[in-house]
Amino acid sequence: MTSSTEARNELAIGELSAYLTARNAIIAAREGFFDALRAYLRPEQRPDAARLGDRLADSPARVITEDDWVANPVRGYLVVMEDKAAGRPFRLCVLQQGFELRVGMQLHEPRRLADRAEGVLLSLIPGTKPQVKQFQLARADSSGHFAAPMYDWHFDASQLFQSAQAFEDGIYKVSAVFEAALQLFADTGAFSLTND
C-alpha cells in the first residue's frame, strides 16, 4: 500500500469519526429538544391558566401519559398519540431532520373540520400556512371512509441547536399547534356535519 493510499484511508477514517461524533451530538440535541417540549406541554407548567380564563386548564386532554408519548431522537420524530376519551382526537407529530422542523396535526377519524376551525389552523402561525393532506387510515369508518386530514407545517430549523432563541422558537411553534388543536376540539362545532 502506497503512502498516498494510506493517507487517504486515514483521512476517510478521520472524516467518518468526525461525522459519527457530530451525529451523536445531533441526537443528544434532539433528545434535549423533545424533553424540553414534554416539560413545556405538561399542565403543571401552566399554574396560572385557570386564573387567566383557560377553559381547558384542568382538561384530561392535556395529560400526556407514557404510552401517549412516542419519541425517537435517533430517527428525529416525536408523536403525542390521540386520546379521544380524554378529548384529544388528534396526533401531534414532530419531525426534525436535517435543517427542517415539521409539525403536524393529524386527525384519526374521517371527519372534516368545519371551515371556521380549518381557518384557525391555516392562519395559526403568521407567514406560514400548513400543507393539508389526506392521511390514510388503517380501518374505514362506518361510512367506508379511509382518509382523514393532516395539517403539516414546515419550518426552517437550521439554527435550532445553534441558538437558545431558535430552540425556544421551535418549542413555541410545536406548542402553538398543540394548544390550537386542544382548543378547537373542545368546541363541538369544530367538525363539519358531513363525512364527505
C-alpha atoms as a PDB file:
ATOM      1  CA  MET A   1       0.000   0.000   0.000  1.00  0.00           C
ATOM      2  CA  THR A   2       1.451   3.359  -1.019  1.00  0.00           C
ATOM      3  CA  SER A   3       1.837   6.229   1.428  1.00  0.00           C
ATOM      4  CA  SER A   4      -0.742   8.270  -0.526  1.00  0.00           C
ATOM      5  CA  THR A   5      -3.298   5.464  -0.217  1.00  0.00           C
ATOM      6  CA  GLU A   6      -2.603   5.176   3.493  1.00  0.00           C
ATOM      7  CA  ALA A   7      -3.022   8.928   3.865  1.00  0.00           C
ATOM      8  CA  ARG A   8      -6.371   8.822   2.020  1.00  0.00           C
ATOM      9  CA  ASN A   9      -7.570   5.957   4.248  1.00  0.00           C
ATOM     10  CA  GLU A  10      -6.539   7.824   7.386  1.00  0.00           C
ATOM     11  CA  LEU A  11      -8.361  10.909   6.122  1.00  0.00           C
ATOM     12  CA  ALA A  12     -11.521   8.867   5.381  1.00  0.00           C
ATOM     13  CA  ILE A  13     -11.409   7.279   8.843  1.00  0.00           C
ATOM     14  CA  GLY A  14     -10.919  10.708  10.408  1.00  0.00           C
ATOM     15  CA  GLU A  15     -13.875  12.107   8.457  1.00  0.00           C
ATOM     16  CA  LEU A  16     -16.077   9.152   9.450  1.00  0.00           C
ATOM     17  CA  SER A  17     -15.070   9.567  13.083  1.00  0.00           C
ATOM     18  CA  ALA A  18     -15.888  13.284  12.950  1.00  0.00           C
ATOM     19  CA  TYR A  19     -19.247  12.521  11.326  1.00  0.00           C
ATOM     20  CA  LEU A  20     -20.178   9.943  13.982  1.00  0.00           C
ATOM     21  CA  THR A  21     -19.205  12.357  16.761  1.00  0.00           C
ATOM     22  CA  ALA A  22     -21.297  15.111  15.193  1.00  0.00           C
ATOM     23  CA  ARG A  23     -24.231  12.739  14.617  1.00  0.00           C
ATOM     24  CA  ASN A  24     -24.202  11.701  18.263  1.00  0.00           C
ATOM     25  CA  ALA A  25     -24.245  15.376  19.236  1.00  0.00           C
ATOM     26  CA  ILE A  26     -27.284  15.980  16.987  1.00  0.00           C
ATOM     27  CA  ILE A  27     -29.135  13.004  18.501  1.00  0.00           C
ATOM     28  CA  ALA A  28     -28.388  14.300  22.016  1.00  0.00           C
ATOM     29  CA  ALA A  29     -29.620  17.768  20.999  1.00  0.00           C
ATOM     30  CA  ARG A  30     -32.849  16.288  19.610  1.00  0.00           C
ATOM     31  CA  GLU A  31     -33.338  14.348  22.814  1.00  0.00           C
ATOM     32  CA  GLY A  32     -32.950  17.603  24.745  1.00  0.00           C
ATOM     33  CA  PHE A  33     -35.442  19.312  22.435  1.00  0.00           C
ATOM     34  CA  PHE A  34     -38.022  16.553  22.885  1.00  0.00           C
ATOM     35  CA  ASP A  35     -37.535  16.595  26.672  1.00  0.00           C
ATOM     36  CA  ALA A  36     -37.984  20.368  26.719  1.00  0.00           C
ATOM     37  CA  LEU A  37     -41.163  20.013  24.655  1.00  0.00           C
ATOM     38  CA  ARG A  38     -42.581  17.439  27.022  1.00  0.00           C
ATOM     39  CA  ALA A  39     -41.871  19.671  30.012  1.00  0.00           C
ATOM     40  CA  TYR A  40     -43.426  22.665  28.220  1.00  0.00           C
ATOM     41  CA  LEU A  41     -46.610  20.798  27.303  1.00  0.00           C
ATOM     42  CA  ARG A  42     -47.224  19.473  30.823  1.00  0.00           C
ATOM     43  CA  PRO A  43     -50.270  21.037  32.545  1.00  0.00           C
ATOM     44  CA  GLU A  44     -48.221  21.814  35.661  1.00  0.00           C
ATOM     45  CA  GLN A  45     -46.169  24.260  33.592  1.00  0.00           C
ATOM     46  CA  ARG A  46     -49.295  26.458  33.442  1.00  0.00           C
ATOM     47  CA  PRO A  47     -50.306  27.011  37.095  1.00  0.00           C
ATOM     48  CA  ASP A  48     -51.950  30.328  36.249  1.00  0.00           C
ATOM     49  CA  ALA A  49     -54.004  29.009  33.293  1.00  0.00           C
ATOM     50  CA  ALA A  50     -57.336  28.771  35.132  1.00  0.00           C
ATOM     51  CA  ARG A  51     -56.872  32.236  36.623  1.00  0.00           C
ATOM     52  CA  LEU A  52     -56.274  33.611  33.132  1.00  0.00           C
ATOM     53  CA  GLY A  53     -59.506  32.065  31.861  1.00  0.00           C
ATOM     54  CA  ASP A  54     -58.340  28.923  30.065  1.00  0.00           C
ATOM     55  CA  ARG A  55     -61.433  26.709  29.948  1.00  0.00           C
ATOM     56  CA  LEU A  56     -59.198  23.657  29.462  1.00  0.00           C
ATOM     57  CA  ALA A  57     -56.810  24.372  32.333  1.00  0.00           C
ATOM     58  CA  ASP A  58     -57.674  21.083  34.062  1.00  0.00           C
ATOM     59  CA  SER A  59     -58.706  19.124  30.975  1.00  0.00           C
ATOM     60  CA  PRO A  60     -57.630  15.457  30.827  1.00  0.00           C
ATOM     61  CA  ALA A  61     -56.766  16.149  27.172  1.00  0.00           C
ATOM     62  CA  ARG A  62     -53.643  17.936  28.450  1.00  0.00           C
ATOM     63  CA  VAL A  63     -52.361  14.846  30.260  1.00  0.00           C
ATOM     64  CA  ILE A  64     -49.765  13.037  28.151  1.00  0.00           C
ATOM     65  CA  THR A  65     -49.098   9.581  29.598  1.00  0.00           C
ATOM     66  CA  GLU A  66     -46.006   7.469  28.978  1.00  0.00           C
ATOM     67  CA  ASP A  67     -48.000   5.396  26.471  1.00  0.00           C
ATOM     68  CA  ASP A  68     -49.101   8.550  24.631  1.00  0.00           C
ATOM     69  CA  TRP A  69     -45.545   9.870  24.236  1.00  0.00           C
ATOM     70  CA  VAL A  70     -43.555   8.239  21.411  1.00  0.00           C
ATOM     71  CA  ALA A  71     -40.126   9.784  20.868  1.00  0.00           C
ATOM     72  CA  ASN A  72     -37.232   8.564  18.735  1.00  0.00           C
ATOM     73  CA  PRO A  73     -34.379  11.110  18.700  1.00  0.00           C
ATOM     74  CA  VAL A  74     -32.223   8.845  16.510  1.00  0.00           C
ATOM     75  CA  ARG A  75     -34.807   8.981  13.717  1.00  0.00           C
ATOM     76  CA  GLY A  76     -35.841  12.510  14.619  1.00  0.00           C
ATOM     77  CA  TYR A  77     -39.537  12.081  15.346  1.00  0.00           C
ATOM     78  CA  LEU A  78     -41.892  12.635  18.231  1.00  0.00           C
ATOM     79  CA  VAL A  79     -45.590  11.723  18.357  1.00  0.00           C
ATOM     80  CA  VAL A  80     -48.163  12.581  21.004  1.00  0.00           C
ATOM     81  CA  MET A  81     -50.834   9.954  20.467  1.00  0.00           C
ATOM     82  CA  GLU A  82     -54.531  10.695  20.278  1.00  0.00           C
ATOM     83  CA  ASP A  83     -56.771  10.040  23.281  1.00  0.00           C
ATOM     84  CA  LYS A  84     -60.364  10.502  22.153  1.00  0.00           C
ATOM     85  CA  ALA A  85     -61.810   9.601  25.556  1.00  0.00           C
ATOM     86  CA  ALA A  86     -59.813  12.440  27.146  1.00  0.00           C
ATOM     87  CA  GLY A  87     -60.844  14.936  24.451  1.00  0.00           C
ATOM     88  CA  ARG A  88     -57.735  14.732  22.254  1.00  0.00           C
ATOM     89  CA  PRO A  89     -58.874  13.235  18.916  1.00  0.00           C
ATOM     90  CA  PHE A  90     -55.652  14.143  17.093  1.00  0.00           C
ATOM     91  CA  ARG A  91     -51.997  13.201  16.954  1.00  0.00           C
ATOM     92  CA  LEU A  92     -49.303  15.815  17.317  1.00  0.00           C
ATOM     93  CA  CYS A  93     -46.422  14.814  15.040  1.00  0.00           C
ATOM     94  CA  VAL A  94     -42.979  16.442  15.181  1.00  0.00           C
ATOM     95  CA  LEU A  95     -40.215  15.602  12.721  1.00  0.00           C
ATOM     96  CA  GLN A  96     -36.758  17.165  12.985  1.00  0.00           C
ATOM     97  CA  GLN A  97     -34.373  16.041  10.281  1.00  0.00           C
ATOM     98  CA  GLY A  98     -31.651  17.999   8.568  1.00  0.00           C
ATOM     99  CA  PHE A  99     -32.453  21.711   8.542  1.00  0.00           C
ATOM    100  CA  GLU A 100     -36.224  21.298   8.828  1.00  0.00           C
ATOM    101  CA  LEU A 101     -38.714  21.144  11.672  1.00  0.00           C
ATOM    102  CA  ARG A 102     -42.102  19.747  10.677  1.00  0.00           C
ATOM    103  CA  VAL A 103     -45.082  19.966  12.989  1.00  0.00           C
ATOM    104  CA  GLY A 104     -48.243  18.058  12.082  1.00  0.00           C
ATOM    105  CA  MET A 105     -51.745  17.812  13.489  1.00  0.00           C
ATOM    106  CA  GLN A 106     -53.287  14.571  12.315  1.00  0.00           C
ATOM    107  CA  LEU A 107     -56.923  13.640  12.770  1.00  0.00           C
ATOM    108  CA  HIS A 108     -57.590   9.977  13.304  1.00  0.00           C
ATOM    109  CA  GLU A 109     -61.197   9.897  12.302  1.00  0.00           C
ATOM    110  CA  PRO A 110     -62.609  10.553   8.828  1.00  0.00           C
ATOM    111  CA  ARG A 111     -64.480  13.759   9.657  1.00  0.00           C
ATOM    112  CA  ARG A 112     -63.772  17.081   8.034  1.00  0.00           C
ATOM    113  CA  LEU A 113     -63.064  20.207  10.019  1.00  0.00           C
ATOM    114  CA  ALA A 114     -65.636  22.958   9.750  1.00  0.00           C
ATOM    115  CA  ASP A 115     -64.497  25.941   7.663  1.00  0.00           C
ATOM    116  CA  ARG A 116     -64.145  28.130  10.757  1.00  0.00           C
ATOM    117  CA  ALA A 117     -61.973  25.578  12.561  1.00  0.00           C
ATOM    118  CA  GLU A 118     -59.830  24.999   9.491  1.00  0.00           C
ATOM    119  CA  GLY A 119     -59.425  28.772   9.137  1.00  0.00           C
ATOM    120  CA  VAL A 120     -57.944  28.912  12.644  1.00  0.00           C
ATOM    121  CA  LEU A 121     -55.319  26.313  11.726  1.00  0.00           C
ATOM    122  CA  LEU A 122     -54.483  27.850   8.355  1.00  0.00           C
ATOM    123  CA  SER A 123     -53.774  31.243   9.946  1.00  0.00           C
ATOM    124  CA  LEU A 124     -52.290  29.941  13.200  1.00  0.00           C
ATOM    125  CA  ILE A 125     -48.669  30.966  12.621  1.00  0.00           C
ATOM    126  CA  PRO A 126     -48.279  34.241  10.699  1.00  0.00           C
ATOM    127  CA  GLY A 127     -46.484  33.868   7.402  1.00  0.00           C
ATOM    128  CA  THR A 128     -46.684  30.066   7.383  1.00  0.00           C
ATOM    129  CA  LYS A 129     -49.570  28.000   6.076  1.00  0.00           C
ATOM    130  CA  PRO A 130     -49.656  24.273   6.674  1.00  0.00           C
ATOM    131  CA  GLN A 131     -49.864  21.770   3.883  1.00  0.00           C
ATOM    132  CA  VAL A 132     -53.188  19.946   4.090  1.00  0.00           C
ATOM    133  CA  LYS A 133     -53.007  16.272   3.174  1.00  0.00           C
ATOM    134  CA  GLN A 134     -55.293  13.293   3.368  1.00  0.00           C
ATOM    135  CA  PHE A 135     -53.902  10.709   5.757  1.00  0.00           C
ATOM    136  CA  GLN A 136     -54.847   7.104   5.043  1.00  0.00           C
ATOM    137  CA  LEU A 137     -56.445   5.348   7.998  1.00  0.00           C
ATOM    138  CA  ALA A 138     -55.836   1.682   8.784  1.00  0.00           C
ATOM    139  CA  ARG A 139     -59.573   0.971   9.069  1.00  0.00           C
ATOM    140  CA  ALA A 140     -62.584   2.505   7.423  1.00  0.00           C
ATOM    141  CA  ASP A 141     -65.314   4.190   9.435  1.00  0.00           C
ATOM    142  CA  SER A 142     -68.974   3.104   9.276  1.00  0.00           C
ATOM    143  CA  SER A 143     -69.395   5.090   6.051  1.00  0.00           C
ATOM    144  CA  GLY A 144     -66.475   3.346   4.352  1.00  0.00           C
ATOM    145  CA  HIS A 145     -64.072   6.322   4.519  1.00  0.00           C
ATOM    146  CA  PHE A 146     -60.348   5.625   4.870  1.00  0.00           C
ATOM    147  CA  ALA A 147     -58.948   9.168   4.824  1.00  0.00           C
ATOM    148  CA  ALA A 148     -58.645  11.909   7.436  1.00  0.00           C
ATOM    149  CA  PRO A 149     -56.923  15.300   7.185  1.00  0.00           C
ATOM    150  CA  MET A 150     -53.398  16.127   8.307  1.00  0.00           C
ATOM    151  CA  TYR A 151     -52.159  19.712   8.708  1.00  0.00           C
ATOM    152  CA  ASP A 152     -48.392  19.862   8.270  1.00  0.00           C
ATOM    153  CA  TRP A 153     -46.264  22.955   8.987  1.00  0.00           C
ATOM    154  CA  HIS A 154     -42.677  23.201   7.677  1.00  0.00           C
ATOM    155  CA  PHE A 155     -40.189  25.467   9.468  1.00  0.00           C
ATOM    156  CA  ASP A 156     -36.530  26.304   8.951  1.00  0.00           C
ATOM    157  CA  ALA A 157     -34.535  24.608  11.714  1.00  0.00           C
ATOM    158  CA  SER A 158     -31.015  25.488  10.588  1.00  0.00           C
ATOM    159  CA  GLN A 159     -30.377  27.358  13.850  1.00  0.00           C
ATOM    160  CA  LEU A 160     -32.460  25.131  16.145  1.00  0.00           C
ATOM    161  CA  PHE A 161     -29.452  23.733  18.032  1.00  0.00           C
ATOM    162  CA  GLN A 162     -27.208  26.755  17.495  1.00  0.00           C
ATOM    163  CA  SER A 163     -29.214  29.411  19.309  1.00  0.00           C
ATOM    164  CA  ALA A 164     -31.233  29.409  22.529  1.00  0.00           C
ATOM    165  CA  GLN A 165     -33.754  31.739  20.923  1.00  0.00           C
ATOM    166  CA  ALA A 166     -34.208  29.424  17.917  1.00  0.00           C
ATOM    167  CA  PHE A 167     -34.596  26.476  20.309  1.00  0.00           C
ATOM    168  CA  GLU A 168     -37.319  28.354  22.230  1.00  0.00           C
ATOM    169  CA  ASP A 169     -38.966  29.359  18.948  1.00  0.00           C
ATOM    170  CA  GLY A 170     -39.165  25.693  17.927  1.00  0.00           C
ATOM    171  CA  ILE A 171     -40.814  24.818  21.241  1.00  0.00           C
ATOM    172  CA  TYR A 172     -43.279  27.692  20.789  1.00  0.00           C
ATOM    173  CA  LYS A 173     -44.270  26.548  17.294  1.00  0.00           C
ATOM    174  CA  VAL A 174     -44.941  22.969  18.386  1.00  0.00           C
ATOM    175  CA  SER A 175     -46.877  24.074  21.463  1.00  0.00           C
ATOM    176  CA  ALA A 176     -48.913  26.580  19.408  1.00  0.00           C
ATOM    177  CA  VAL A 177     -50.183  23.756  17.173  1.00  0.00           C
ATOM    178  CA  PHE A 178     -50.929  21.541  20.194  1.00  0.00           C
ATOM    179  CA  GLU A 179     -52.767  24.319  22.022  1.00  0.00           C
ATOM    180  CA  ALA A 180     -54.809  25.369  18.979  1.00  0.00           C
ATOM    181  CA  ALA A 181     -55.858  21.763  18.360  1.00  0.00           C
ATOM    182  CA  LEU A 182     -56.865  21.279  22.016  1.00  0.00           C
ATOM    183  CA  GLN A 183     -58.989  24.419  21.991  1.00  0.00           C
ATOM    184  CA  LEU A 184     -60.549  23.604  18.613  1.00  0.00           C
ATOM    185  CA  PHE A 185     -61.607  20.096  19.526  1.00  0.00           C
ATOM    186  CA  ALA A 186     -63.096  21.215  22.822  1.00  0.00           C
ATOM    187  CA  ASP A 187     -65.590  23.047  20.605  1.00  0.00           C
ATOM    188  CA  THR A 188     -68.346  20.722  19.393  1.00  0.00           C
ATOM    189  CA  GLY A 189     -68.701  22.869  16.279  1.00  0.00           C
ATOM    190  CA  ALA A 190     -65.138  22.138  15.144  1.00  0.00           C
ATOM    191  CA  PHE A 191     -66.235  19.387  12.751  1.00  0.00           C
ATOM    192  CA  SER A 192     -68.422  19.706   9.700  1.00  0.00           C
ATOM    193  CA  LEU A 193     -71.723  17.847   9.632  1.00  0.00           C
ATOM    194  CA  THR A 194     -70.693  15.613   6.760  1.00  0.00           C
ATOM    195  CA  ASN A 195     -68.060  12.924   6.361  1.00  0.00           C
ATOM    196  CA  ASP A 196     -67.688  13.630   2.642  1.00  0.00           C
END
